Amino acid sequence: MPRSIQEILDHADRLAHWFETYEPAQGDERPVEEYLLQRAAVARARSERQVLDAVSAARAAGIPWARIGRLLGTSAQAAQQRYGPVVERV
């Protein structure tokens, strides 16, 4: 949805005002350790998605489970058990 320059500037002014006048409410703040844990969990999920996509591409290219397992640092059987049901569904 295209916006005019003025609409963008007005929106930026509203955001700036919101940030400048923001007062944290009870429960808004959280420990750094909790934030870091959440970031690590998101990073792990993204990484797992990348591995799944790569395994799917490898299988589509005809790469055997034994080779995939070696590249993942596991056995062919373990790789197939973990990724096979998802890869075969796609």
N, C-alpha and C. Protein backbone atom coordinates (compact mmCIF):
# COMPACT_ATOMS: atom_id res chain seq x y z
N MET A 1 0.84 -1.16 0.00
CA MET A 1 0.00 0.00 0.00
C MET A 1 0.90 1.23 0.00
N PRO A 2 0.97 1.92 -1.11
CA PRO A 2 1.84 3.10 -1.22
C PRO A 2 1.40 4.20 -0.26
N ARG A 3 2.37 4.91 0.25
CA ARG A 3 2.10 6.03 1.14
C ARG A 3 2.79 7.27 0.60
N SER A 4 2.25 8.38 0.94
CA SER A 4 2.89 9.64 0.56
C SER A 4 4.04 9.91 1.53
N ILE A 5 4.93 10.78 1.12
CA ILE A 5 6.04 11.18 1.98
C ILE A 5 5.49 11.77 3.28
N GLN A 6 4.44 12.56 3.18
CA GLN A 6 3.88 13.18 4.38
C GLN A 6 3.31 12.14 5.33
N GLU A 7 2.63 11.13 4.80
CA GLU A 7 2.09 10.06 5.66
C GLU A 7 3.22 9.33 6.39
N ILE A 8 4.30 9.08 5.70
CA ILE A 8 5.45 8.40 6.31
C ILE A 8 6.05 9.27 7.41
N LEU A 9 6.21 10.56 7.14
CA LEU A 9 6.76 11.47 8.14
C LEU A 9 5.84 11.59 9.35
N ASP A 10 4.54 11.67 9.11
CA ASP A 10 3.58 11.74 10.22
C ASP A 10 3.65 10.48 11.08
N HIS A 11 3.74 9.35 10.43
CA HIS A 11 3.84 8.08 11.16
C HIS A 11 5.14 8.05 11.98
N ALA A 12 6.24 8.51 11.40
CA ALA A 12 7.52 8.56 12.12
C ALA A 12 7.41 9.48 13.33
N ASP A 13 6.72 10.61 13.19
CA ASP A 13 6.53 11.52 14.32
C ASP A 13 5.73 10.85 15.43
N ARG A 14 4.69 10.12 15.07
CA ARG A 14 3.88 9.42 16.08
C ARG A 14 4.73 8.37 16.81
N LEU A 15 5.53 7.63 16.06
CA LEU A 15 6.39 6.63 16.68
C LEU A 15 7.42 7.29 17.60
N ALA A 16 8.02 8.37 17.15
CA ALA A 16 9.01 9.08 17.97
C ALA A 16 8.36 9.56 19.26
N HIS A 17 7.17 10.12 19.17
CA HIS A 17 6.45 10.59 20.37
C HIS A 17 6.18 9.41 21.31
N TRP A 18 5.76 8.30 20.75
CA TRP A 18 5.46 7.12 21.58
C TRP A 18 6.71 6.67 22.32
N PHE A 19 7.85 6.60 21.61
CA PHE A 19 9.10 6.18 22.27
C PHE A 19 9.56 7.18 23.32
N GLU A 20 9.42 8.45 23.04
CA GLU A 20 9.88 9.48 23.97
C GLU A 20 9.04 9.54 25.23
N THR A 21 7.76 9.21 25.15
CA THR A 21 6.87 9.31 26.31
C THR A 21 6.58 7.96 26.95
N TYR A 22 7.20 6.92 26.45
CA TYR A 22 6.92 5.57 26.97
C TYR A 22 7.35 5.43 28.42
N GLU A 23 6.49 4.88 29.22
CA GLU A 23 6.78 4.54 30.61
C GLU A 23 6.50 3.06 30.77
N PRO A 24 7.49 2.29 31.17
CA PRO A 24 7.27 0.85 31.31
C PRO A 24 6.19 0.52 32.33
N ALA A 25 5.36 -0.41 31.97
CA ALA A 25 4.33 -0.89 32.90
C ALA A 25 4.87 -2.10 33.66
N GLN A 26 4.18 -2.45 34.71
CA GLN A 26 4.56 -3.63 35.49
C GLN A 26 4.59 -4.84 34.57
N GLY A 27 5.70 -5.56 34.53
CA GLY A 27 5.79 -6.75 33.70
C GLY A 27 6.40 -6.51 32.33
N ASP A 28 6.62 -5.25 31.95
CA ASP A 28 7.23 -4.96 30.65
C ASP A 28 8.70 -5.37 30.60
N GLU A 29 9.37 -5.18 31.70
CA GLU A 29 10.79 -5.50 31.74
C GLU A 29 10.98 -6.97 32.12
N ARG A 30 12.05 -7.54 31.58
CA ARG A 30 12.35 -8.92 31.92
C ARG A 30 13.85 -9.07 32.02
N PRO A 31 14.31 -10.12 32.69
CA PRO A 31 15.75 -10.30 32.87
C PRO A 31 16.45 -10.55 31.53
N VAL A 32 17.67 -10.09 31.45
CA VAL A 32 18.46 -10.29 30.23
C VAL A 32 18.58 -11.78 29.91
N GLU A 33 18.72 -12.60 30.92
CA GLU A 33 18.87 -14.04 30.71
C GLU A 33 17.65 -14.63 30.01
N GLU A 34 16.48 -14.13 30.36
CA GLU A 34 15.25 -14.60 29.72
C GLU A 34 15.23 -14.19 28.24
N TYR A 35 15.63 -12.98 27.98
CA TYR A 35 15.70 -12.49 26.60
C TYR A 35 16.70 -13.32 25.79
N LEU A 36 17.87 -13.58 26.36
CA LEU A 36 18.88 -14.37 25.66
C LEU A 36 18.41 -15.79 25.40
N LEU A 37 17.70 -16.36 26.35
CA LEU A 37 17.16 -17.70 26.16
C LEU A 37 16.15 -17.73 25.02
N GLN A 38 15.29 -16.72 24.98
CA GLN A 38 14.31 -16.65 23.90
C GLN A 38 15.00 -16.50 22.55
N ARG A 39 16.01 -15.63 22.47
CA ARG A 39 16.76 -15.46 21.22
C ARG A 39 17.42 -16.75 20.79
N ALA A 40 17.98 -17.49 21.74
CA ALA A 40 18.64 -18.75 21.42
C ALA A 40 17.64 -19.77 20.90
N ALA A 41 16.45 -19.81 21.49
CA ALA A 41 15.42 -20.74 21.03
C ALA A 41 14.96 -20.41 19.61
N VAL A 42 14.82 -19.13 19.31
CA VAL A 42 14.43 -18.72 17.96
C VAL A 42 15.54 -19.07 16.97
N ALA A 43 16.79 -18.83 17.35
CA ALA A 43 17.92 -19.15 16.47
C ALA A 43 17.98 -20.65 16.21
N ARG A 44 17.74 -21.45 17.24
CA ARG A 44 17.74 -22.91 17.07
C ARG A 44 16.63 -23.34 16.12
N ALA A 45 15.46 -22.75 16.25
CA ALA A 45 14.34 -23.10 15.36
C ALA A 45 14.66 -22.73 13.91
N ARG A 46 15.25 -21.57 13.71
CA ARG A 46 15.63 -21.17 12.34
C ARG A 46 16.68 -22.11 11.78
N SER A 47 17.65 -22.46 12.60
CA SER A 47 18.71 -23.36 12.17
C SER A 47 18.15 -24.73 11.81
N GLU A 48 17.25 -25.22 12.63
CA GLU A 48 16.63 -26.52 12.34
C GLU A 48 15.84 -26.46 11.04
N ARG A 49 15.19 -25.34 10.79
CA ARG A 49 14.46 -25.18 9.53
C ARG A 49 15.42 -25.21 8.33
N GLN A 50 16.58 -24.59 8.49
CA GLN A 50 17.58 -24.61 7.42
C GLN A 50 18.07 -26.03 7.16
N VAL A 51 18.30 -26.78 8.22
CA VAL A 51 18.74 -28.17 8.05
C VAL A 51 17.66 -28.97 7.35
N LEU A 52 16.42 -28.80 7.76
CA LEU A 52 15.31 -29.52 7.14
C LEU A 52 15.21 -29.19 5.65
N ASP A 53 15.32 -27.92 5.32
CA ASP A 53 15.27 -27.51 3.91
C ASP A 53 16.43 -28.12 3.12
N ALA A 54 17.61 -28.14 3.75
CA ALA A 54 18.79 -28.70 3.07
C ALA A 54 18.65 -30.21 2.89
N VAL A 55 18.12 -30.90 3.88
CA VAL A 55 17.91 -32.35 3.77
C VAL A 55 16.88 -32.62 2.67
N SER A 56 15.82 -31.83 2.63
CA SER A 56 14.81 -32.01 1.58
C SER A 56 15.43 -31.83 0.20
N ALA A 57 16.26 -30.80 0.04
CA ALA A 57 16.91 -30.56 -1.25
C ALA A 57 17.87 -31.69 -1.59
N ALA A 58 18.58 -32.16 -0.59
CA ALA A 58 19.53 -33.25 -0.82
C ALA A 58 18.80 -34.52 -1.27
N ARG A 59 17.72 -34.83 -0.59
CA ARG A 59 16.95 -36.02 -0.97
C ARG A 59 16.36 -35.85 -2.37
N ALA A 60 15.86 -34.67 -2.69
CA ALA A 60 15.30 -34.41 -4.01
C ALA A 60 16.37 -34.56 -5.09
N ALA A 61 17.63 -34.28 -4.72
CA ALA A 61 18.75 -34.41 -5.66
C ALA A 61 19.29 -35.83 -5.71
N GLY A 62 18.69 -36.73 -4.92
CA GLY A 62 19.09 -38.13 -4.95
C GLY A 62 20.25 -38.50 -4.03
N ILE A 63 20.59 -37.62 -3.12
CA ILE A 63 21.68 -37.93 -2.18
C ILE A 63 21.17 -38.96 -1.18
N PRO A 64 21.92 -40.05 -0.99
CA PRO A 64 21.45 -41.12 -0.10
C PRO A 64 21.50 -40.71 1.37
N TRP A 65 20.67 -41.40 2.14
CA TRP A 65 20.60 -41.13 3.57
C TRP A 65 21.95 -41.33 4.25
N ALA A 66 22.75 -42.28 3.77
CA ALA A 66 24.06 -42.52 4.39
C ALA A 66 24.93 -41.26 4.29
N ARG A 67 24.93 -40.63 3.12
CA ARG A 67 25.73 -39.41 2.93
C ARG A 67 25.16 -38.26 3.77
N ILE A 68 23.86 -38.13 3.79
CA ILE A 68 23.21 -37.08 4.60
C ILE A 68 23.56 -37.28 6.07
N GLY A 69 23.47 -38.52 6.52
CA GLY A 69 23.81 -38.81 7.91
C GLY A 69 25.24 -38.42 8.23
N ARG A 70 26.18 -38.77 7.34
CA ARG A 70 27.59 -38.40 7.57
C ARG A 70 27.75 -36.89 7.65
N LEU A 71 27.09 -36.17 6.75
CA LEU A 71 27.20 -34.70 6.76
C LEU A 71 26.60 -34.08 8.02
N LEU A 72 25.60 -34.74 8.58
CA LEU A 72 24.97 -34.25 9.82
C LEU A 72 25.67 -34.76 11.07
N GLY A 73 26.65 -35.63 10.88
CA GLY A 73 27.37 -36.17 12.03
C GLY A 73 26.61 -37.25 12.75
N THR A 74 25.81 -38.00 12.01
CA THR A 74 25.01 -39.07 12.61
C THR A 74 24.94 -40.23 11.63
N SER A 75 24.20 -41.24 11.99
CA SER A 75 24.05 -42.39 11.09
C SER A 75 22.95 -42.12 10.06
N ALA A 76 22.97 -42.93 9.02
CA ALA A 76 21.91 -42.84 8.01
C ALA A 76 20.55 -43.09 8.63
N GLN A 77 20.49 -44.11 9.51
CA GLN A 77 19.22 -44.46 10.14
C GLN A 77 18.70 -43.31 11.01
N ALA A 78 19.60 -42.69 11.79
CA ALA A 78 19.17 -41.59 12.65
C ALA A 78 18.69 -40.40 11.82
N ALA A 79 19.39 -40.08 10.73
CA ALA A 79 18.97 -38.98 9.86
C ALA A 79 17.62 -39.27 9.23
N GLN A 80 17.44 -40.49 8.77
CA GLN A 80 16.17 -40.86 8.13
C GLN A 80 15.03 -40.86 9.13
N GLN A 81 15.29 -41.34 10.33
CA GLN A 81 14.23 -41.35 11.35
C GLN A 81 13.82 -39.92 11.72
N ARG A 82 14.80 -39.03 11.80
CA ARG A 82 14.49 -37.67 12.22
C ARG A 82 13.85 -36.84 11.10
N TYR A 83 14.39 -36.93 9.89
CA TYR A 83 13.95 -36.07 8.81
C TYR A 83 13.09 -36.76 7.76
N GLY A 84 13.16 -38.07 7.69
CA GLY A 84 12.44 -38.81 6.67
C GLY A 84 10.94 -38.54 6.62
N PRO A 85 10.25 -38.63 7.74
CA PRO A 85 8.79 -38.41 7.70
C PRO A 85 8.41 -37.02 7.17
N VAL A 86 9.19 -36.01 7.50
CA VAL A 86 8.88 -34.66 7.03
C VAL A 86 9.28 -34.51 5.57
N VAL A 87 10.45 -35.03 5.20
CA VAL A 87 10.94 -34.91 3.83
C VAL A 87 10.05 -35.69 2.87
N GLU A 88 9.64 -36.86 3.25
CA GLU A 88 8.81 -37.70 2.38
C GLU A 88 7.43 -37.11 2.19
N ARG A 89 6.97 -36.30 3.15
CA ARG A 89 5.66 -35.65 3.06
C ARG A 89 5.65 -34.55 2.02
N VAL A 90 6.79 -33.90 1.87
CA VAL A 90 6.88 -32.74 0.97
C VAL A 90 6.88 -33.14 -0.45
